[in-house]
Amino acid sequence: MNTDERTAKEIFYKELKGYMQNGDELSVKKIYSLFPEINPKTVSWRLHELVQHGKIHRTGHGYYALTEISENNPAGYVYLQKKSQLVYDVVIDYGYDFYITGLDSLIGLLLHIPEKYPVLLVTEDAGIAEMQEILSQKDFIVMTEKDRKIIENSTIKNKIDVIILKGKDFSLSFEHIAQKEKGFIDLYYAVTRMDYGVSIPELSRIYQSLQRNNSLSIAKVKSAARDRGISTEINWLIEINKASKKVLEFMSYQIKEAK
């Protein structure tokens, strides 16, 4: 994207925000009339991009409004469970990139959060071993992705305090707390790969809740999935609502065959 094109998009968004400033929702037809100098097809594409980036959302067929949830939208340190705050306070003193993720970053967006759950901590590869050692010295039971077979042991699983995941992209976090898109992707990974203590039905309800709130930026979800190395299945999850009945029937059959 060249500079002129980027500037034009920024001006469009700034002007659109002005028209929607009071919580007003606008129809596509109205938006076309507000930007008569822009080709309607270009306007439609820019609206699509703004939805993908979580800056606006569809309020109904052909209607749009500003996304009220802030762009960064981490839950905030004060809303972390006590154990997560303790982990945060320890890790922040060692200079590694990190963030608290999973359920902690989704507080305020979900109706039900378990009272106690392992802290999901993402840090750079170079810091994993040191963080595990330091937190263990603080009497936390700490596991990493390499310990997944231990985690599957039911007698150990319920005693784990912290699970450390490796991260490369730290842009989807704010003040060391994951944005909601990254929080969900890391939670999904922990549940499906490491037997994290959230059931599949509960994980599905969390995803549906995020969708109902119109609070997910698809672009951020995809970036989070790339960082976690699970783009293929997350893209499938995003596109599933667009699949025809026959496609879903075929997929269901293939899943049964794979068992």
C-alpha atoms as a PDB file:
ATOM      1  CA  MET A   1       0.000   0.000   0.000  1.00  0.00           C
ATOM      2  CA  ASN A   2       1.493   3.380  -1.019  1.00  0.00           C
ATOM      3  CA  THR A   3       1.455   6.451   1.231  1.00  0.00           C
ATOM      4  CA  ASP A   4      -1.364   8.211  -0.655  1.00  0.00           C
ATOM      5  CA  GLU A   5      -3.626   5.172  -0.404  1.00  0.00           C
ATOM      6  CA  ARG A   6      -2.907   4.760   3.321  1.00  0.00           C
ATOM      7  CA  THR A   7      -3.607   8.461   3.914  1.00  0.00           C
ATOM      8  CA  ALA A   8      -6.887   8.259   1.988  1.00  0.00           C
ATOM      9  CA  LYS A   9      -8.017   5.301   4.124  1.00  0.00           C
ATOM     10  CA  GLU A  10      -7.056   7.103   7.340  1.00  0.00           C
ATOM     11  CA  ILE A  11      -9.011  10.203   6.264  1.00  0.00           C
ATOM     12  CA  PHE A  12     -12.021   8.041   5.388  1.00  0.00           C
ATOM     13  CA  TYR A  13     -11.985   6.357   8.801  1.00  0.00           C
ATOM     14  CA  LYS A  14     -11.525   9.657  10.652  1.00  0.00           C
ATOM     15  CA  GLU A  15     -14.473  11.240   8.833  1.00  0.00           C
ATOM     16  CA  LEU A  16     -16.630   8.138   9.293  1.00  0.00           C
ATOM     17  CA  LYS A  17     -15.870   8.171  13.050  1.00  0.00           C
ATOM     18  CA  GLY A  18     -17.124  11.754  13.149  1.00  0.00           C
ATOM     19  CA  TYR A  19     -20.453  10.728  11.634  1.00  0.00           C
ATOM     20  CA  MET A  20     -20.756   7.794  14.094  1.00  0.00           C
ATOM     21  CA  GLN A  21     -19.426   9.654  17.142  1.00  0.00           C
ATOM     22  CA  ASN A  22     -22.633   9.552  19.190  1.00  0.00           C
ATOM     23  CA  GLY A  23     -23.154   5.829  18.813  1.00  0.00           C
ATOM     24  CA  ASP A  24     -25.141   6.320  15.617  1.00  0.00           C
ATOM     25  CA  GLU A  25     -25.435   3.409  13.223  1.00  0.00           C
ATOM     26  CA  LEU A  26     -25.379   4.235   9.528  1.00  0.00           C
ATOM     27  CA  SER A  27     -26.726   2.365   6.548  1.00  0.00           C
ATOM     28  CA  VAL A  28     -24.482   1.641   3.576  1.00  0.00           C
ATOM     29  CA  LYS A  29     -26.715   3.898   1.487  1.00  0.00           C
ATOM     30  CA  LYS A  30     -26.210   6.762   3.931  1.00  0.00           C
ATOM     31  CA  ILE A  31     -22.443   6.199   4.012  1.00  0.00           C
ATOM     32  CA  TYR A  32     -22.345   6.297   0.205  1.00  0.00           C
ATOM     33  CA  SER A  33     -24.098   9.688   0.320  1.00  0.00           C
ATOM     34  CA  LEU A  34     -21.586  11.025   2.871  1.00  0.00           C
ATOM     35  CA  PHE A  35     -18.676  10.226   0.543  1.00  0.00           C
ATOM     36  CA  PRO A  36     -19.991  11.150  -2.935  1.00  0.00           C
ATOM     37  CA  GLU A  37     -16.450  11.737  -4.248  1.00  0.00           C
ATOM     38  CA  ILE A  38     -15.500   8.064  -3.614  1.00  0.00           C
ATOM     39  CA  ASN A  39     -16.606   5.202  -5.839  1.00  0.00           C
ATOM     40  CA  PRO A  40     -19.267   3.141  -3.935  1.00  0.00           C
ATOM     41  CA  LYS A  41     -17.258  -0.043  -4.577  1.00  0.00           C
ATOM     42  CA  THR A  42     -14.250   1.582  -2.870  1.00  0.00           C
ATOM     43  CA  VAL A  43     -16.439   2.659   0.047  1.00  0.00           C
ATOM     44  CA  SER A  44     -17.747  -0.910   0.410  1.00  0.00           C
ATOM     45  CA  TRP A  45     -14.215  -2.310   0.391  1.00  0.00           C
ATOM     46  CA  ARG A  46     -13.055   0.187   3.011  1.00  0.00           C
ATOM     47  CA  LEU A  47     -16.007  -0.717   5.238  1.00  0.00           C
ATOM     48  CA  HIS A  48     -15.079  -4.386   4.861  1.00  0.00           C
ATOM     49  CA  GLU A  49     -11.464  -3.664   5.873  1.00  0.00           C
ATOM     50  CA  LEU A  50     -12.578  -1.633   8.912  1.00  0.00           C
ATOM     51  CA  VAL A  51     -14.775  -4.542  10.047  1.00  0.00           C
ATOM     52  CA  GLN A  52     -11.872  -6.976   9.561  1.00  0.00           C
ATOM     53  CA  HIS A  53      -9.652  -4.773  11.746  1.00  0.00           C
ATOM     54  CA  GLY A  54     -12.298  -4.440  14.456  1.00  0.00           C
ATOM     55  CA  LYS A  55     -12.760  -0.675  14.093  1.00  0.00           C
ATOM     56  CA  ILE A  56     -16.428  -0.874  13.126  1.00  0.00           C
ATOM     57  CA  HIS A  57     -18.988  -3.685  13.237  1.00  0.00           C
ATOM     58  CA  ARG A  58     -22.203  -4.644  11.509  1.00  0.00           C
ATOM     59  CA  THR A  59     -25.274  -3.888  13.612  1.00  0.00           C
ATOM     60  CA  GLY A  60     -27.662  -5.404  11.109  1.00  0.00           C
ATOM     61  CA  HIS A  61     -27.985  -6.097   7.399  1.00  0.00           C
ATOM     62  CA  GLY A  62     -26.329  -3.146   5.685  1.00  0.00           C
ATOM     63  CA  TYR A  63     -25.816  -1.121   8.880  1.00  0.00           C
ATOM     64  CA  TYR A  64     -22.576  -0.247  10.658  1.00  0.00           C
ATOM     65  CA  ALA A  65     -21.444   1.365  13.919  1.00  0.00           C
ATOM     66  CA  LEU A  66     -18.170   2.082  15.697  1.00  0.00           C
ATOM     67  CA  THR A  67     -16.778  -0.739  17.791  1.00  0.00           C
ATOM     68  CA  GLU A  68     -17.159   0.483  21.355  1.00  0.00           C
ATOM     69  CA  ILE A  69     -14.529  -1.830  22.831  1.00  0.00           C
ATOM     70  CA  SER A  70     -11.088  -0.207  22.698  1.00  0.00           C
ATOM     71  CA  GLU A  71      -8.638  -1.425  20.085  1.00  0.00           C
ATOM     72  CA  ASN A  72      -6.199  -2.828  22.621  1.00  0.00           C
ATOM     73  CA  ASN A  73      -8.882  -4.027  25.000  1.00  0.00           C
ATOM     74  CA  PRO A  74      -6.872  -6.126  27.412  1.00  0.00           C
ATOM     75  CA  ALA A  75      -8.729  -6.785  30.634  1.00  0.00           C
ATOM     76  CA  GLY A  76      -6.129  -4.853  32.634  1.00  0.00           C
ATOM     77  CA  TYR A  77      -3.839  -5.814  35.511  1.00  0.00           C
ATOM     78  CA  VAL A  78      -6.407  -5.045  38.237  1.00  0.00           C
ATOM     79  CA  TYR A  79      -8.823  -7.581  36.729  1.00  0.00           C
ATOM     80  CA  LEU A  80      -6.345 -10.464  36.570  1.00  0.00           C
ATOM     81  CA  GLN A  81      -6.876 -13.321  39.006  1.00  0.00           C
ATOM     82  CA  LYS A  82      -4.605 -12.980  42.040  1.00  0.00           C
ATOM     83  CA  LYS A  83      -2.256 -15.741  40.899  1.00  0.00           C
ATOM     84  CA  SER A  84      -1.825 -14.079  37.513  1.00  0.00           C
ATOM     85  CA  GLN A  85      -0.938 -10.796  39.207  1.00  0.00           C
ATOM     86  CA  LEU A  86       1.723 -12.578  41.258  1.00  0.00           C
ATOM     87  CA  VAL A  87       3.201 -14.183  38.117  1.00  0.00           C
ATOM     88  CA  TYR A  88       3.106 -10.814  36.319  1.00  0.00           C
ATOM     89  CA  ASP A  89       4.940  -9.117  39.213  1.00  0.00           C
ATOM     90  CA  VAL A  90       7.701 -11.741  39.162  1.00  0.00           C
ATOM     91  CA  VAL A  91       8.246 -11.959  35.412  1.00  0.00           C
ATOM     92  CA  ILE A  92       8.259  -8.219  34.717  1.00  0.00           C
ATOM     93  CA  ASP A  93      11.559  -7.805  36.600  1.00  0.00           C
ATOM     94  CA  TYR A  94      13.595  -9.973  34.191  1.00  0.00           C
ATOM     95  CA  GLY A  95      13.491  -8.008  30.920  1.00  0.00           C
ATOM     96  CA  TYR A  96      11.988 -10.654  28.632  1.00  0.00           C
ATOM     97  CA  ASP A  97       9.056  -9.928  26.329  1.00  0.00           C
ATOM     98  CA  PHE A  98       5.969 -11.560  27.848  1.00  0.00           C
ATOM     99  CA  TYR A  99       2.243 -11.311  28.297  1.00  0.00           C
ATOM    100  CA  ILE A 100      -0.487 -12.965  30.352  1.00  0.00           C
ATOM    101  CA  THR A 101      -3.001 -14.589  28.028  1.00  0.00           C
ATOM    102  CA  GLY A 102      -5.965 -17.000  27.842  1.00  0.00           C
ATOM    103  CA  LEU A 103      -8.892 -16.571  30.232  1.00  0.00           C
ATOM    104  CA  ASP A 104      -7.264 -13.648  32.041  1.00  0.00           C
ATOM    105  CA  SER A 105      -7.371 -11.550  28.879  1.00  0.00           C
ATOM    106  CA  LEU A 106     -11.058 -12.362  28.285  1.00  0.00           C
ATOM    107  CA  ILE A 107     -12.424 -11.229  31.655  1.00  0.00           C
ATOM    108  CA  GLY A 108     -15.259  -8.782  31.130  1.00  0.00           C
ATOM    109  CA  LEU A 109     -16.219 -10.355  27.812  1.00  0.00           C
ATOM    110  CA  LEU A 110     -17.491 -13.672  29.178  1.00  0.00           C
ATOM    111  CA  LEU A 111     -20.410 -14.598  31.390  1.00  0.00           C
ATOM    112  CA  HIS A 112     -18.553 -17.353  33.215  1.00  0.00           C
ATOM    113  CA  ILE A 113     -14.905 -17.631  34.193  1.00  0.00           C
ATOM    114  CA  PRO A 114     -13.691 -20.563  36.346  1.00  0.00           C
ATOM    115  CA  GLU A 115     -12.667 -19.439  39.836  1.00  0.00           C
ATOM    116  CA  LYS A 116      -9.210 -20.997  39.630  1.00  0.00           C
ATOM    117  CA  TYR A 117      -7.274 -21.882  36.512  1.00  0.00           C
ATOM    118  CA  PRO A 118      -3.608 -22.191  35.454  1.00  0.00           C
ATOM    119  CA  VAL A 119      -2.038 -18.934  34.329  1.00  0.00           C
ATOM    120  CA  LEU A 120      -1.153 -18.946  30.636  1.00  0.00           C
ATOM    121  CA  LEU A 121       2.109 -17.034  30.217  1.00  0.00           C
ATOM    122  CA  VAL A 122       3.700 -16.321  26.830  1.00  0.00           C
ATOM    123  CA  THR A 123       7.357 -15.320  26.704  1.00  0.00           C
ATOM    124  CA  GLU A 124      10.169 -15.292  24.175  1.00  0.00           C
ATOM    125  CA  ASP A 125      11.998 -18.559  23.612  1.00  0.00           C
ATOM    126  CA  ALA A 126      15.192 -17.320  25.297  1.00  0.00           C
ATOM    127  CA  GLY A 127      13.334 -16.689  28.541  1.00  0.00           C
ATOM    128  CA  ILE A 128      11.295 -19.879  28.927  1.00  0.00           C
ATOM    129  CA  ALA A 129      13.793 -21.959  30.923  1.00  0.00           C
ATOM    130  CA  GLU A 130      14.703 -19.058  33.215  1.00  0.00           C
ATOM    131  CA  MET A 131      11.077 -18.121  33.831  1.00  0.00           C
ATOM    132  CA  GLN A 132      10.226 -21.722  34.659  1.00  0.00           C
ATOM    133  CA  GLU A 133      13.088 -21.888  37.144  1.00  0.00           C
ATOM    134  CA  ILE A 134      12.341 -18.524  38.771  1.00  0.00           C
ATOM    135  CA  LEU A 135       8.616 -19.176  39.144  1.00  0.00           C
ATOM    136  CA  SER A 136       9.311 -22.678  40.498  1.00  0.00           C
ATOM    137  CA  GLN A 137      11.527 -21.088  43.162  1.00  0.00           C
ATOM    138  CA  LYS A 138       8.491 -18.990  44.133  1.00  0.00           C
ATOM    139  CA  ASP A 139       6.605 -22.248  44.835  1.00  0.00           C
ATOM    140  CA  PHE A 140       4.581 -22.233  41.611  1.00  0.00           C
ATOM    141  CA  ILE A 141       4.129 -25.524  39.758  1.00  0.00           C
ATOM    142  CA  VAL A 142       5.201 -24.543  36.240  1.00  0.00           C
ATOM    143  CA  MET A 143       4.963 -26.489  32.994  1.00  0.00           C
ATOM    144  CA  THR A 144       5.938 -25.667  29.401  1.00  0.00           C
ATOM    145  CA  GLU A 145       4.885 -27.012  26.014  1.00  0.00           C
ATOM    146  CA  LYS A 146       7.646 -29.630  26.323  1.00  0.00           C
ATOM    147  CA  ASP A 147       5.887 -30.996  29.403  1.00  0.00           C
ATOM    148  CA  ARG A 148       2.558 -31.722  27.702  1.00  0.00           C
ATOM    149  CA  LYS A 149       2.719 -35.455  28.445  1.00  0.00           C
ATOM    150  CA  ILE A 150       3.086 -34.647  32.152  1.00  0.00           C
ATOM    151  CA  ILE A 151       0.140 -32.263  31.952  1.00  0.00           C
ATOM    152  CA  GLU A 152      -2.034 -35.066  30.585  1.00  0.00           C
ATOM    153  CA  ASN A 153      -1.498 -36.939  33.882  1.00  0.00           C
ATOM    154  CA  SER A 154      -4.703 -36.182  35.801  1.00  0.00           C
ATOM    155  CA  THR A 155      -3.019 -36.259  39.206  1.00  0.00           C
ATOM    156  CA  ILE A 156      -0.646 -33.470  38.165  1.00  0.00           C
ATOM    157  CA  LYS A 157      -2.949 -31.435  35.932  1.00  0.00           C
ATOM    158  CA  ASN A 158      -5.145 -30.028  38.705  1.00  0.00           C
ATOM    159  CA  LYS A 159      -2.114 -28.759  40.628  1.00  0.00           C
ATOM    160  CA  ILE A 160      -0.454 -26.769  37.840  1.00  0.00           C
ATOM    161  CA  ASP A 161      -0.166 -23.025  38.505  1.00  0.00           C
ATOM    162  CA  VAL A 162       1.469 -21.761  35.297  1.00  0.00           C
ATOM    163  CA  ILE A 163       1.808 -22.991  31.718  1.00  0.00           C
ATOM    164  CA  ILE A 164       4.452 -21.192  29.651  1.00  0.00           C
ATOM    165  CA  LEU A 165       4.045 -20.927  25.876  1.00  0.00           C
ATOM    166  CA  LYS A 166       6.623 -19.655  23.397  1.00  0.00           C
ATOM    167  CA  GLY A 167       5.811 -16.430  21.560  1.00  0.00           C
ATOM    168  CA  LYS A 168       7.391 -14.522  18.683  1.00  0.00           C
ATOM    169  CA  ASP A 169       4.912 -11.709  17.957  1.00  0.00           C
ATOM    170  CA  PHE A 170       4.195  -9.520  20.985  1.00  0.00           C
ATOM    171  CA  SER A 171       2.312  -6.819  19.084  1.00  0.00           C
ATOM    172  CA  LEU A 172      -1.101  -8.260  20.041  1.00  0.00           C
ATOM    173  CA  SER A 173      -0.642  -7.412  23.699  1.00  0.00           C
ATOM    174  CA  PHE A 174      -0.848  -4.214  25.710  1.00  0.00           C
ATOM    175  CA  GLU A 175       1.048  -3.624  28.951  1.00  0.00           C
ATOM    176  CA  HIS A 176       1.887  -7.352  29.041  1.00  0.00           C
ATOM    177  CA  ILE A 177      -1.715  -8.576  28.754  1.00  0.00           C
ATOM    178  CA  ALA A 178      -2.932 -10.219  25.533  1.00  0.00           C
ATOM    179  CA  GLN A 179      -5.591  -8.578  23.469  1.00  0.00           C
ATOM    180  CA  LYS A 180      -8.768 -10.652  23.298  1.00  0.00           C
ATOM    181  CA  GLU A 181      -7.992 -12.180  19.900  1.00  0.00           C
ATOM    182  CA  LYS A 182      -4.599 -13.443  21.079  1.00  0.00           C
ATOM    183  CA  GLY A 183      -6.108 -14.511  24.383  1.00  0.00           C
ATOM    184  CA  PHE A 184      -8.656 -16.716  22.655  1.00  0.00           C
ATOM    185  CA  ILE A 185      -6.138 -18.254  20.240  1.00  0.00           C
ATOM    186  CA  ASP A 186      -3.721 -19.104  23.068  1.00  0.00           C
ATOM    187  CA  LEU A 187      -6.578 -20.560  25.113  1.00  0.00           C
ATOM    188  CA  TYR A 188      -7.723 -22.623  22.119  1.00  0.00           C
ATOM    189  CA  TYR A 189      -4.169 -23.926  21.674  1.00  0.00           C
ATOM    190  CA  ALA A 190      -3.825 -24.825  25.350  1.00  0.00           C
ATOM    191  CA  VAL A 191      -7.170 -26.657  25.387  1.00  0.00           C
ATOM    192  CA  THR A 192      -6.624 -28.592  22.150  1.00  0.00           C
ATOM    193  CA  ARG A 193      -2.908 -29.343  22.580  1.00  0.00           C
ATOM    194  CA  MET A 194      -2.244 -29.388  26.311  1.00  0.00           C
ATOM    195  CA  ASP A 195      -5.480 -30.591  27.911  1.00  0.00           C
ATOM    196  CA  TYR A 196      -5.994 -27.234  29.628  1.00  0.00           C
ATOM    197  CA  GLY A 197      -8.858 -27.309  32.108  1.00  0.00           C
ATOM    198  CA  VAL A 198     -11.591 -25.825  29.911  1.00  0.00           C
ATOM    199  CA  SER A 199     -13.975 -28.237  28.215  1.00  0.00           C
ATOM    200  CA  ILE A 200     -14.535 -28.184  24.460  1.00  0.00           C
ATOM    201  CA  PRO A 201     -18.206 -27.120  24.905  1.00  0.00           C
ATOM    202  CA  GLU A 202     -17.053 -24.271  27.170  1.00  0.00           C
ATOM    203  CA  LEU A 203     -14.387 -23.241  24.646  1.00  0.00           C
ATOM    204  CA  SER A 204     -17.071 -23.205  21.963  1.00  0.00           C
ATOM    205  CA  ARG A 205     -19.341 -21.041  24.139  1.00  0.00           C
ATOM    206  CA  ILE A 206     -16.468 -18.594  24.681  1.00  0.00           C
ATOM    207  CA  TYR A 207     -15.946 -18.304  20.917  1.00  0.00           C
ATOM    208  CA  GLN A 208     -19.672 -17.835  20.291  1.00  0.00           C
ATOM    209  CA  SER A 209     -19.835 -15.168  22.995  1.00  0.00           C
ATOM    210  CA  LEU A 210     -16.985 -13.243  21.388  1.00  0.00           C
ATOM    211  CA  GLN A 211     -18.723 -13.475  18.031  1.00  0.00           C
ATOM    212  CA  ARG A 212     -22.054 -12.266  19.449  1.00  0.00           C
ATOM    213  CA  ASN A 213     -20.331  -9.250  20.995  1.00  0.00           C
ATOM    214  CA  ASN A 214     -18.936  -8.300  17.566  1.00  0.00           C
ATOM    215  CA  SER A 215     -15.650  -7.799  19.390  1.00  0.00           C
ATOM    216  CA  LEU A 216     -13.280  -9.945  17.334  1.00  0.00           C
ATOM    217  CA  SER A 217     -11.016  -8.457  14.687  1.00  0.00           C
ATOM    218  CA  ILE A 218     -10.585 -11.171  12.055  1.00  0.00           C
ATOM    219  CA  ALA A 219      -7.225  -9.720  11.000  1.00  0.00           C
ATOM    220  CA  LYS A 220      -5.956  -9.953  14.589  1.00  0.00           C
ATOM    221  CA  VAL A 221      -7.311 -13.490  15.000  1.00  0.00           C
ATOM    222  CA  LYS A 222      -5.385 -14.540  11.896  1.00  0.00           C
ATOM    223  CA  SER A 223      -2.200 -12.823  13.116  1.00  0.00           C
ATOM    224  CA  ALA A 224      -2.536 -14.565  16.475  1.00  0.00           C
ATOM    225  CA  ALA A 225      -3.047 -17.914  14.748  1.00  0.00           C
ATOM    226  CA  ARG A 226       0.071 -17.416  12.616  1.00  0.00           C
ATOM    227  CA  ASP A 227       2.116 -16.700  15.734  1.00  0.00           C
ATOM    228  CA  ARG A 228       0.799 -19.885  17.358  1.00  0.00           C
ATOM    229  CA  GLY A 229       1.317 -21.952  14.176  1.00  0.00           C
ATOM    230  CA  ILE A 230      -2.323 -22.983  13.736  1.00  0.00           C
ATOM    231  CA  SER A 231      -3.441 -20.838  10.799  1.00  0.00           C
ATOM    232  CA  THR A 232      -4.997 -23.675   8.787  1.00  0.00           C
ATOM    233  CA  GLU A 233      -7.537 -24.744  11.396  1.00  0.00           C
ATOM    234  CA  ILE A 234      -8.329 -21.200  12.545  1.00  0.00           C
ATOM    235  CA  ASN A 235      -8.979 -20.103   8.951  1.00  0.00           C
ATOM    236  CA  TRP A 236     -11.317 -23.088   8.668  1.00  0.00           C
ATOM    237  CA  LEU A 237     -13.065 -22.011  11.889  1.00  0.00           C
ATOM    238  CA  ILE A 238     -13.497 -18.454  10.596  1.00  0.00           C
ATOM    239  CA  GLU A 239     -14.869 -19.598   7.248  1.00  0.00           C
ATOM    240  CA  ILE A 240     -17.157 -22.362   8.527  1.00  0.00           C
ATOM    241  CA  ASN A 241     -20.257 -20.146   8.535  1.00  0.00           C
ATOM    242  CA  LYS A 242     -19.789 -19.598   4.804  1.00  0.00           C
ATOM    243  CA  ALA A 243     -19.685 -23.321   4.003  1.00  0.00           C
ATOM    244  CA  SER A 244     -22.650 -24.917   2.265  1.00  0.00           C
ATOM    245  CA  LYS A 245     -24.646 -27.726   3.831  1.00  0.00           C
ATOM    246  CA  LYS A 246     -22.981 -30.263   1.526  1.00  0.00           C
ATOM    247  CA  VAL A 247     -19.496 -28.994   2.410  1.00  0.00           C
ATOM    248  CA  LEU A 248     -20.262 -29.322   6.131  1.00  0.00           C
ATOM    249  CA  GLU A 249     -21.688 -32.798   5.527  1.00  0.00           C
ATOM    250  CA  PHE A 250     -18.492 -33.807   3.700  1.00  0.00           C
ATOM    251  CA  MET A 251     -16.289 -32.369   6.469  1.00  0.00           C
ATOM    252  CA  SER A 252     -18.305 -34.176   9.114  1.00  0.00           C
ATOM    253  CA  TYR A 253     -17.888 -37.449   7.219  1.00  0.00           C
ATOM    254  CA  GLN A 254     -14.122 -36.930   6.926  1.00  0.00           C
ATOM    255  CA  ILE A 255     -13.838 -36.210  10.645  1.00  0.00           C
ATOM    256  CA  LYS A 256     -15.616 -39.498  11.431  1.00  0.00           C
ATOM    257  CA  GLU A 257     -13.280 -41.321   9.058  1.00  0.00           C
ATOM    258  CA  ALA A 258     -10.221 -39.837  10.759  1.00  0.00           C
ATOM    259  CA  LYS A 259     -11.194 -41.127  14.220  1.00  0.00           C
END
